[in-house]
N, C-alpha and C. Protein backbone atom coordinates (compact mmCIF):
# COMPACT_ATOMS: atom_id res chain seq x y z
N GLN A 1 116.10 98.20 88.53
CA GLN A 1 115.19 97.33 89.27
C GLN A 1 115.41 97.38 90.75
N VAL A 2 114.23 97.85 91.60
CA VAL A 2 114.78 97.48 92.84
C VAL A 2 114.56 96.01 93.46
N ARG A 3 115.69 95.97 94.40
CA ARG A 3 116.07 94.97 95.07
C ARG A 3 115.75 94.95 96.50
N LEU A 4 114.83 94.05 97.08
CA LEU A 4 114.70 94.16 98.38
C LEU A 4 115.27 92.80 99.45
N VAL A 5 116.06 93.39 100.35
CA VAL A 5 116.63 92.47 101.12
C VAL A 5 116.08 92.58 102.76
N GLU A 6 115.21 91.45 102.98
CA GLU A 6 115.21 91.55 104.53
C GLU A 6 116.11 90.76 105.49
N SER A 7 116.26 91.30 106.63
CA SER A 7 117.07 90.67 107.64
C SER A 7 116.68 90.86 109.00
N GLY A 8 117.24 90.17 110.02
CA GLY A 8 116.93 90.54 111.38
C GLY A 8 116.15 89.27 111.91
N GLY A 9 115.76 88.50 111.44
CA GLY A 9 114.96 87.46 111.81
C GLY A 9 115.72 86.48 112.79
N GLY A 10 115.18 85.49 113.37
CA GLY A 10 115.86 84.66 114.06
C GLY A 10 114.83 83.85 114.90
N LEU A 11 115.59 82.85 116.05
CA LEU A 11 114.76 82.15 116.87
C LEU A 11 114.70 82.71 118.21
N VAL A 12 113.45 83.02 118.77
CA VAL A 12 113.32 83.78 120.12
C VAL A 12 112.21 82.95 120.92
N LYS A 13 112.33 83.18 121.94
CA LYS A 13 111.37 82.40 123.10
C LYS A 13 110.03 83.74 123.23
N PRO A 14 109.15 82.92 123.31
CA PRO A 14 107.73 83.64 123.57
C PRO A 14 108.12 84.87 124.48
N GLY A 15 107.36 86.12 124.10
CA GLY A 15 107.55 87.27 124.90
C GLY A 15 108.88 88.08 124.45
N GLY A 16 109.78 87.34 123.60
CA GLY A 16 110.89 87.97 122.89
C GLY A 16 110.71 88.84 121.98
N SER A 17 111.86 89.56 121.51
CA SER A 17 111.65 90.82 120.43
C SER A 17 112.64 90.61 119.52
N LEU A 18 112.25 91.47 118.43
CA LEU A 18 113.26 91.26 117.25
C LEU A 18 112.93 92.62 116.62
N ARG A 19 114.08 93.08 115.82
CA ARG A 19 113.94 94.02 114.92
C ARG A 19 114.28 93.72 113.26
N LEU A 20 113.33 93.62 112.62
CA LEU A 20 113.44 93.48 111.00
C LEU A 20 113.64 94.44 110.50
N SER A 21 114.66 94.26 109.45
CA SER A 21 115.26 95.45 108.48
C SER A 21 114.99 95.06 107.06
N CYS A 22 114.58 95.94 106.15
CA CYS A 22 114.24 95.89 104.85
C CYS A 22 115.16 96.82 104.10
N SER A 23 116.03 96.45 103.44
CA SER A 23 117.02 97.41 102.72
C SER A 23 116.65 97.13 101.29
N ALA A 24 116.56 98.41 100.51
CA ALA A 24 116.16 98.59 99.03
C ALA A 24 117.26 99.31 98.41
N SER A 25 117.63 98.52 97.36
CA SER A 25 118.76 98.84 96.45
C SER A 25 118.28 99.03 94.97
N GLY A 26 118.97 100.02 94.32
CA GLY A 26 118.37 99.70 92.78
C GLY A 26 117.55 100.88 92.40
N GLY A 27 117.01 101.37 93.51
CA GLY A 27 115.88 102.52 93.02
C GLY A 27 115.44 102.89 94.54
N ASP A 28 114.66 104.08 94.45
CA ASP A 28 114.23 104.97 95.60
C ASP A 28 112.72 104.52 95.83
N ILE A 29 112.69 103.84 97.29
CA ILE A 29 111.44 103.41 97.66
C ILE A 29 110.75 104.61 98.45
N SER A 30 111.24 105.76 98.68
CA SER A 30 110.72 106.57 99.44
C SER A 30 109.31 107.22 98.75
N ARG A 31 109.09 106.88 97.51
CA ARG A 31 108.07 107.48 96.82
C ARG A 31 106.75 106.55 96.89
N TYR A 32 107.10 105.28 97.70
CA TYR A 32 106.16 104.10 97.58
C TYR A 32 105.50 103.88 99.21
N ASP A 33 104.14 103.67 99.42
CA ASP A 33 103.97 103.25 100.61
C ASP A 33 104.33 101.74 100.63
N MET A 34 104.91 101.50 101.84
CA MET A 34 105.71 100.13 102.12
C MET A 34 104.73 99.26 103.09
N ALA A 35 105.11 97.97 103.04
CA ALA A 35 104.50 97.28 104.20
C ALA A 35 105.39 96.09 104.44
N TRP A 36 104.99 95.35 105.49
CA TRP A 36 105.57 94.14 105.87
C TRP A 36 104.36 93.13 105.89
N TYR A 37 104.79 91.91 105.39
CA TYR A 37 103.89 90.71 105.17
C TYR A 37 104.47 89.45 105.78
N SER A 38 103.50 88.87 106.32
CA SER A 38 104.19 87.54 106.90
C SER A 38 103.66 86.18 106.24
N MET A 39 104.40 85.15 106.14
CA MET A 39 103.81 83.96 105.56
C MET A 39 104.29 82.92 106.56
N PRO A 40 103.03 82.50 107.26
CA PRO A 40 103.17 81.25 108.27
C PRO A 40 103.40 80.03 107.42
N PRO A 41 103.90 79.05 108.09
CA PRO A 41 104.44 77.80 107.70
C PRO A 41 102.91 77.18 107.01
N GLY A 42 103.15 76.94 105.54
CA GLY A 42 101.98 76.29 105.02
C GLY A 42 100.58 77.40 104.70
N LYS A 43 100.92 78.68 104.90
CA LYS A 43 99.97 79.40 104.75
C LYS A 43 100.40 80.54 103.65
N SER A 44 99.29 81.33 103.26
CA SER A 44 99.46 82.45 102.34
C SER A 44 100.11 83.59 102.85
N ARG A 45 100.88 84.38 102.15
CA ARG A 45 101.26 85.58 102.72
C ARG A 45 100.19 86.59 103.07
N LYS A 46 100.25 87.35 104.31
CA LYS A 46 99.55 88.18 104.55
C LYS A 46 100.09 89.65 105.11
N LEU A 47 99.15 90.60 104.95
CA LEU A 47 99.77 91.78 105.61
C LEU A 47 99.80 91.72 106.91
N VAL A 48 100.95 92.45 107.37
CA VAL A 48 101.12 92.62 108.85
C VAL A 48 100.97 94.20 109.15
N ALA A 49 101.74 94.97 108.63
CA ALA A 49 101.30 96.48 108.85
C ALA A 49 102.23 97.46 107.63
N ASP A 50 101.68 98.69 107.65
CA ASP A 50 102.30 99.44 106.48
C ASP A 50 102.47 100.62 106.86
N VAL A 51 103.20 101.34 106.24
CA VAL A 51 103.50 102.75 106.59
C VAL A 51 103.57 103.57 105.08
N THR A 52 102.91 104.71 105.17
CA THR A 52 102.60 105.62 104.00
C THR A 52 104.17 106.27 103.82
N ARG A 53 104.46 106.80 102.57
CA ARG A 53 105.68 107.51 102.42
C ARG A 53 105.85 108.78 103.23
N TYR A 54 104.73 108.95 103.65
CA TYR A 54 104.75 110.27 105.01
C TYR A 54 104.93 109.88 106.15
N GLY A 55 104.78 108.40 106.51
CA GLY A 55 105.08 107.96 107.96
C GLY A 55 103.81 107.51 108.54
N ASN A 56 102.53 107.64 107.86
CA ASN A 56 101.42 107.37 108.61
C ASN A 56 101.41 105.62 108.74
N THR A 57 100.77 105.23 109.68
CA THR A 57 101.18 103.91 110.00
C THR A 57 99.59 102.90 110.04
N HIS A 58 99.57 101.73 109.57
CA HIS A 58 98.38 100.91 109.73
C HIS A 58 98.82 99.49 110.18
N TYR A 59 98.24 98.79 111.21
CA TYR A 59 98.50 97.59 111.68
C TYR A 59 97.33 96.65 111.55
N GLU A 60 97.52 95.44 111.27
CA GLU A 60 96.30 94.54 111.35
C GLU A 60 96.29 94.18 112.52
N ASP A 61 95.07 93.48 113.04
CA ASP A 61 94.66 93.42 114.35
C ASP A 61 95.80 92.47 115.30
N SER A 62 96.35 91.69 114.68
CA SER A 62 97.33 90.80 115.24
C SER A 62 98.50 91.28 115.75
N ALA A 63 98.86 92.42 114.94
CA ALA A 63 99.96 93.51 115.16
C ALA A 63 99.92 94.51 116.03
N LYS A 64 98.74 94.94 116.31
CA LYS A 64 98.49 96.02 117.08
C LYS A 64 98.90 96.02 118.51
N GLY A 65 99.60 97.00 118.96
CA GLY A 65 100.13 96.85 120.32
C GLY A 65 101.39 96.17 120.66
N ARG A 66 101.95 95.34 119.57
CA ARG A 66 103.03 94.62 119.74
C ARG A 66 104.16 94.79 118.49
N PHE A 67 103.67 95.26 117.39
CA PHE A 67 104.64 95.48 116.48
C PHE A 67 104.54 97.08 116.18
N THR A 68 105.87 97.44 115.57
CA THR A 68 106.04 98.91 115.13
C THR A 68 106.70 99.04 113.83
N ILE A 69 106.04 99.52 112.82
CA ILE A 69 106.74 99.73 111.63
C ILE A 69 107.26 101.28 111.28
N SER A 70 108.27 101.29 110.79
CA SER A 70 108.88 102.56 110.51
C SER A 70 109.71 102.54 109.29
N ARG A 71 110.19 103.55 108.98
CA ARG A 71 111.07 103.79 107.65
C ARG A 71 111.87 104.84 107.81
N ASP A 72 113.12 104.83 107.24
CA ASP A 72 114.00 105.82 107.12
C ASP A 72 114.23 106.03 105.49
N ASN A 73 113.60 107.13 105.02
CA ASN A 73 113.71 107.23 103.46
C ASN A 73 115.00 107.97 103.01
N ALA A 74 115.66 108.37 104.03
CA ALA A 74 117.12 108.88 103.76
C ALA A 74 118.04 107.50 103.27
N LYS A 75 117.81 106.54 104.37
CA LYS A 75 118.56 105.19 103.91
C LYS A 75 118.13 104.08 103.12
N ASN A 76 116.80 104.46 102.55
CA ASN A 76 116.13 103.61 101.82
C ASN A 76 115.67 102.35 102.54
N MET A 77 115.44 102.29 103.66
CA MET A 77 115.12 101.37 104.63
C MET A 77 113.66 101.17 105.37
N VAL A 78 113.29 100.09 105.31
CA VAL A 78 112.10 99.97 106.15
C VAL A 78 112.03 98.99 107.29
N TYR A 79 111.53 99.28 108.47
CA TYR A 79 111.94 98.40 109.56
C TYR A 79 110.49 98.03 110.25
N LEU A 80 110.64 96.74 111.04
CA LEU A 80 109.52 96.33 111.54
C LEU A 80 109.82 95.69 113.22
N GLU A 81 109.54 96.52 114.19
CA GLU A 81 109.88 95.90 115.50
C GLU A 81 108.81 95.21 116.02
N LEU A 82 109.34 93.99 116.35
CA LEU A 82 108.61 92.72 117.12
C LEU A 82 108.82 92.64 118.51
N THR A 83 107.52 92.98 119.13
CA THR A 83 107.92 92.64 120.64
C THR A 83 106.38 91.67 121.08
N ASP A 84 107.02 91.24 122.33
CA ASP A 84 105.90 90.24 122.98
C ASP A 84 105.46 89.25 121.90
N LEU A 85 106.52 88.56 121.33
CA LEU A 85 106.17 87.54 120.09
C LEU A 85 105.67 86.33 120.75
N LYS A 86 104.80 86.06 119.92
CA LYS A 86 104.19 84.55 120.23
C LYS A 86 104.24 83.34 119.26
N PRO A 87 104.34 82.22 119.63
CA PRO A 87 104.50 81.27 118.62
C PRO A 87 103.65 81.33 117.22
N GLU A 88 102.29 81.99 117.41
CA GLU A 88 101.64 82.08 116.10
C GLU A 88 102.09 83.09 115.27
N ASP A 89 103.32 83.90 115.80
CA ASP A 89 103.91 84.81 115.00
C ASP A 89 104.99 84.28 113.84
N THR A 90 105.08 82.96 114.25
CA THR A 90 106.22 82.14 113.30
C THR A 90 105.80 82.36 111.88
N ALA A 91 106.98 82.82 110.92
CA ALA A 91 106.39 83.10 109.78
C ALA A 91 107.97 83.48 109.12
N VAL A 92 107.78 83.49 107.73
CA VAL A 92 108.89 84.39 106.91
C VAL A 92 108.00 85.60 106.91
N TYR A 93 108.90 86.88 106.94
CA TYR A 93 108.62 88.06 106.84
C TYR A 93 109.23 88.77 105.77
N PHE A 94 108.41 89.48 104.89
CA PHE A 94 108.80 90.19 103.76
C PHE A 94 108.48 91.74 103.76
N CYS A 95 109.07 92.37 102.96
CA CYS A 95 108.69 93.91 102.76
C CYS A 95 108.30 94.07 101.49
N ASN A 96 107.57 94.81 100.95
CA ASN A 96 106.96 95.22 99.55
C ASN A 96 106.13 96.42 99.50
N THR A 97 105.96 96.93 98.70
CA THR A 97 104.68 97.92 98.52
C THR A 97 103.35 97.72 99.41
N GLU A 98 102.81 98.81 99.61
CA GLU A 98 101.61 98.37 100.41
C GLU A 98 100.66 97.69 99.49
N ILE A 99 99.78 96.89 100.19
CA ILE A 99 98.90 95.96 99.80
C ILE A 99 98.26 96.29 98.59
N SER A 100 97.61 97.52 98.38
CA SER A 100 96.63 98.09 97.47
C SER A 100 97.46 98.96 96.29
N ALA A 101 98.54 98.82 96.44
CA ALA A 101 99.65 99.68 95.75
C ALA A 101 99.33 99.10 94.11
N PRO A 102 99.78 100.08 93.25
CA PRO A 102 99.65 99.74 91.71
C PRO A 102 100.91 99.02 91.20
N ILE A 103 101.72 99.10 92.07
CA ILE A 103 103.28 98.52 91.72
C ILE A 103 103.61 97.67 92.74
N ARG A 104 103.96 96.45 92.51
CA ARG A 104 104.54 95.40 93.50
C ARG A 104 106.07 95.17 92.97
N LEU A 105 106.85 95.38 93.86
CA LEU A 105 108.32 95.08 93.54
C LEU A 105 108.76 93.64 93.58
N ALA A 106 109.74 93.34 92.97
CA ALA A 106 110.23 92.06 93.22
C ALA A 106 110.52 91.59 94.64
N TRP A 107 109.79 90.41 95.13
CA TRP A 107 110.00 90.07 96.26
C TRP A 107 111.38 89.45 96.66
N GLY A 108 111.65 89.72 98.04
CA GLY A 108 113.25 89.35 98.38
C GLY A 108 112.91 88.06 98.89
N GLN A 109 113.91 87.46 99.79
CA GLN A 109 113.94 86.22 100.06
C GLN A 109 113.25 86.17 101.27
N GLY A 110 112.90 87.22 102.04
CA GLY A 110 112.48 87.22 103.42
C GLY A 110 113.29 86.98 104.54
N THR A 111 112.76 86.96 105.57
CA THR A 111 113.61 86.57 107.10
C THR A 111 112.86 85.84 107.72
N GLN A 112 113.28 84.72 108.27
CA GLN A 112 112.66 83.76 108.84
C GLN A 112 112.55 84.26 110.54
N VAL A 113 111.28 84.03 111.11
CA VAL A 113 110.95 84.45 112.38
C VAL A 113 110.56 83.44 113.16
N THR A 114 111.29 82.55 114.12
CA THR A 114 110.57 81.47 114.87
C THR A 114 110.43 81.66 116.28
N VAL A 115 109.27 81.51 116.72
CA VAL A 115 109.13 81.68 118.05
C VAL A 115 108.64 80.59 118.94
N SER A 116 109.67 80.13 119.69
CA SER A 116 109.43 78.59 120.45
C SER A 116 110.32 78.50 121.65
N SER A 117 109.64 78.09 122.57
CA SER A 117 110.30 77.70 123.83
C SER A 117 111.28 76.63 123.73
């Protein structure tokens, strides 16, 4: 069973940057289209961005121009570069298969991103 572990979150001031990492073990995620999701406090998990197995990317409006999703299939890793962070980006961030994928992997614990001055 594939295990996903997210890392790289933290407390940053508005305008700051972070690089989130998603490490997969127990299976090869290179065959999956992958995505990052965020779960703001008291809200449901929502899609942030996705990247196909071939490297094509898609971003939700809130992420366009500020976030960059990428992957390294050789390392079984997915990344999310966050820049120009805003307080409304505060959330727990998770990686998993793309939202319309037929397979959903077990959710990891996520990584907390807090944007506050």
